[in-house]
Amino acid sequence: MDAAIVGQVIPRLQQQMVPAARCRDGLADFYERLAVLNPDVIGGRVPDDAFFLADPRG
């Protein structure tokens, strides 16, 4: 992909950073589904609670 195109697209993506702890249920479901399909994709196991860190900004 051309770098100029990427440079134009990124500002329009409207992505938001969300701490993993805030979307834990959705992420856990996603990782559980991946584990069923192909456990090797996620290192052989669903991430534990330590993966879902709280937002250090409060």
N, C-alpha and C. Protein backbone atom coordinates (compact mmCIF):
# COMPACT_ATOMS: atom_id res chain seq x y z
N MET A 1 0.85 -1.17 0.00
CA MET A 1 0.00 0.00 0.00
C MET A 1 0.89 1.24 0.00
N ASP A 2 0.52 2.20 -0.75
CA ASP A 2 1.28 3.44 -0.88
C ASP A 2 1.25 4.23 0.44
N ALA A 3 2.41 4.72 0.87
CA ALA A 3 2.51 5.45 2.13
C ALA A 3 1.66 6.72 2.12
N ALA A 4 1.53 7.37 0.98
CA ALA A 4 0.72 8.59 0.90
C ALA A 4 -0.75 8.28 1.17
N ILE A 5 -1.21 7.15 0.67
CA ILE A 5 -2.61 6.75 0.89
C ILE A 5 -2.83 6.45 2.37
N VAL A 6 -1.90 5.72 2.96
CA VAL A 6 -2.01 5.40 4.38
C VAL A 6 -2.04 6.68 5.21
N GLY A 7 -1.21 7.64 4.85
CA GLY A 7 -1.17 8.91 5.55
C GLY A 7 -2.48 9.67 5.47
N GLN A 8 -3.22 9.50 4.40
CA GLN A 8 -4.52 10.15 4.25
C GLN A 8 -5.62 9.41 5.00
N VAL A 9 -5.50 8.11 5.07
CA VAL A 9 -6.55 7.29 5.67
C VAL A 9 -6.52 7.32 7.20
N ILE A 10 -5.35 7.28 7.79
CA ILE A 10 -5.24 7.17 9.25
C ILE A 10 -6.05 8.24 10.00
N PRO A 11 -5.99 9.51 9.63
CA PRO A 11 -6.77 10.51 10.37
C PRO A 11 -8.29 10.29 10.26
N ARG A 12 -8.73 9.57 9.26
CA ARG A 12 -10.16 9.35 9.05
C ARG A 12 -10.69 8.07 9.69
N LEU A 13 -9.83 7.28 10.27
CA LEU A 13 -10.24 6.00 10.83
C LEU A 13 -11.11 6.14 12.07
N GLN A 14 -10.99 7.23 12.78
CA GLN A 14 -11.76 7.49 13.99
C GLN A 14 -11.61 6.37 15.01
N GLN A 15 -10.40 5.87 15.15
CA GLN A 15 -10.14 4.83 16.13
C GLN A 15 -10.03 5.43 17.52
N GLN A 16 -10.44 4.67 18.50
CA GLN A 16 -10.32 5.08 19.88
C GLN A 16 -9.55 4.03 20.65
N MET A 17 -8.66 4.47 21.49
CA MET A 17 -7.93 3.55 22.35
C MET A 17 -8.79 3.28 23.57
N VAL A 18 -9.01 2.01 23.85
CA VAL A 18 -9.82 1.61 24.99
C VAL A 18 -9.00 0.64 25.83
N PRO A 19 -8.85 0.91 27.13
CA PRO A 19 -8.11 -0.02 27.97
C PRO A 19 -8.75 -1.41 27.94
N ALA A 20 -7.92 -2.44 27.94
CA ALA A 20 -8.43 -3.81 27.87
C ALA A 20 -9.40 -4.11 29.00
N ALA A 21 -9.18 -3.53 30.18
CA ALA A 21 -10.06 -3.79 31.31
C ALA A 21 -11.48 -3.30 31.05
N ARG A 22 -11.64 -2.25 30.25
CA ARG A 22 -12.97 -1.72 29.96
C ARG A 22 -13.75 -2.57 28.99
N CYS A 23 -13.08 -3.37 28.21
CA CYS A 23 -13.77 -4.21 27.23
C CYS A 23 -13.44 -5.69 27.45
N ARG A 24 -13.21 -6.03 28.72
CA ARG A 24 -12.78 -7.37 29.09
C ARG A 24 -13.72 -8.45 28.58
N ASP A 25 -15.02 -8.30 28.77
CA ASP A 25 -15.96 -9.35 28.37
C ASP A 25 -15.89 -9.64 26.88
N GLY A 26 -15.86 -8.59 26.07
CA GLY A 26 -15.78 -8.78 24.63
C GLY A 26 -14.46 -9.41 24.20
N LEU A 27 -13.37 -8.96 24.82
CA LEU A 27 -12.06 -9.53 24.50
C LEU A 27 -11.97 -10.99 24.94
N ALA A 28 -12.49 -11.29 26.12
CA ALA A 28 -12.46 -12.67 26.61
C ALA A 28 -13.22 -13.59 25.66
N ASP A 29 -14.38 -13.13 25.21
CA ASP A 29 -15.17 -13.91 24.25
C ASP A 29 -14.38 -14.12 22.95
N PHE A 30 -13.75 -13.07 22.46
CA PHE A 30 -12.95 -13.15 21.24
C PHE A 30 -11.82 -14.17 21.39
N TYR A 31 -11.08 -14.08 22.50
CA TYR A 31 -9.96 -15.00 22.71
C TYR A 31 -10.44 -16.44 22.92
N GLU A 32 -11.58 -16.62 23.57
CA GLU A 32 -12.12 -17.97 23.76
C GLU A 32 -12.50 -18.58 22.41
N ARG A 33 -13.06 -17.78 21.53
CA ARG A 33 -13.41 -18.27 20.20
C ARG A 33 -12.15 -18.63 19.40
N LEU A 34 -11.13 -17.79 19.50
CA LEU A 34 -9.87 -18.11 18.83
C LEU A 34 -9.27 -19.40 19.38
N ALA A 35 -9.37 -19.59 20.69
CA ALA A 35 -8.82 -20.80 21.31
C ALA A 35 -9.51 -22.05 20.79
N VAL A 36 -10.80 -21.95 20.50
CA VAL A 36 -11.53 -23.10 19.96
C VAL A 36 -11.08 -23.38 18.53
N LEU A 37 -10.94 -22.32 17.74
CA LEU A 37 -10.57 -22.49 16.33
C LEU A 37 -9.11 -22.91 16.15
N ASN A 38 -8.22 -22.23 16.86
CA ASN A 38 -6.79 -22.52 16.72
C ASN A 38 -6.05 -21.95 17.93
N PRO A 39 -5.87 -22.75 18.96
CA PRO A 39 -5.23 -22.25 20.19
C PRO A 39 -3.82 -21.69 19.97
N ASP A 40 -3.13 -22.16 18.96
CA ASP A 40 -1.77 -21.67 18.71
C ASP A 40 -1.75 -20.19 18.35
N VAL A 41 -2.84 -19.67 17.83
CA VAL A 41 -2.92 -18.26 17.44
C VAL A 41 -2.74 -17.35 18.66
N ILE A 42 -3.19 -17.82 19.81
CA ILE A 42 -3.10 -17.01 21.03
C ILE A 42 -2.14 -17.62 22.05
N GLY A 43 -1.19 -18.36 21.58
CA GLY A 43 -0.19 -18.93 22.47
C GLY A 43 -0.67 -20.14 23.26
N GLY A 44 -1.75 -20.75 22.82
CA GLY A 44 -2.22 -21.98 23.44
C GLY A 44 -3.20 -21.83 24.58
N ARG A 45 -3.46 -20.58 24.99
CA ARG A 45 -4.41 -20.40 26.09
C ARG A 45 -5.02 -19.00 26.04
N VAL A 46 -6.17 -18.88 26.67
CA VAL A 46 -6.85 -17.59 26.78
C VAL A 46 -6.06 -16.75 27.79
N PRO A 47 -5.86 -15.45 27.52
CA PRO A 47 -5.12 -14.61 28.46
C PRO A 47 -5.76 -14.61 29.85
N ASP A 48 -4.92 -14.56 30.89
CA ASP A 48 -5.45 -14.51 32.25
C ASP A 48 -5.77 -13.07 32.64
N ASP A 49 -6.22 -12.89 33.88
CA ASP A 49 -6.65 -11.56 34.34
C ASP A 49 -5.55 -10.51 34.28
N ALA A 50 -4.30 -10.91 34.39
CA ALA A 50 -3.20 -9.95 34.34
C ALA A 50 -3.12 -9.24 32.99
N PHE A 51 -3.65 -9.87 31.95
CA PHE A 51 -3.65 -9.26 30.62
C PHE A 51 -4.50 -8.01 30.60
N PHE A 52 -5.58 -8.01 31.35
CA PHE A 52 -6.55 -6.93 31.32
C PHE A 52 -6.20 -5.85 32.34
N LEU A 53 -5.14 -5.12 32.07
CA LEU A 53 -4.68 -4.08 32.97
C LEU A 53 -5.67 -2.93 33.04
N ALA A 54 -5.71 -2.29 34.17
CA ALA A 54 -6.53 -1.09 34.33
C ALA A 54 -5.84 0.07 33.63
N ASP A 55 -6.62 1.06 33.26
CA ASP A 55 -6.09 2.26 32.62
C ASP A 55 -5.29 3.04 33.66
N PRO A 56 -4.00 3.25 33.45
CA PRO A 56 -3.19 3.97 34.43
C PRO A 56 -3.56 5.44 34.55
N ARG A 57 -4.33 5.93 33.59
CA ARG A 57 -4.74 7.34 33.64
C ARG A 57 -5.94 7.56 34.55
N GLY A 58 -6.52 6.47 35.05
CA GLY A 58 -7.63 6.60 35.99
C GLY A 58 -8.96 6.31 35.45
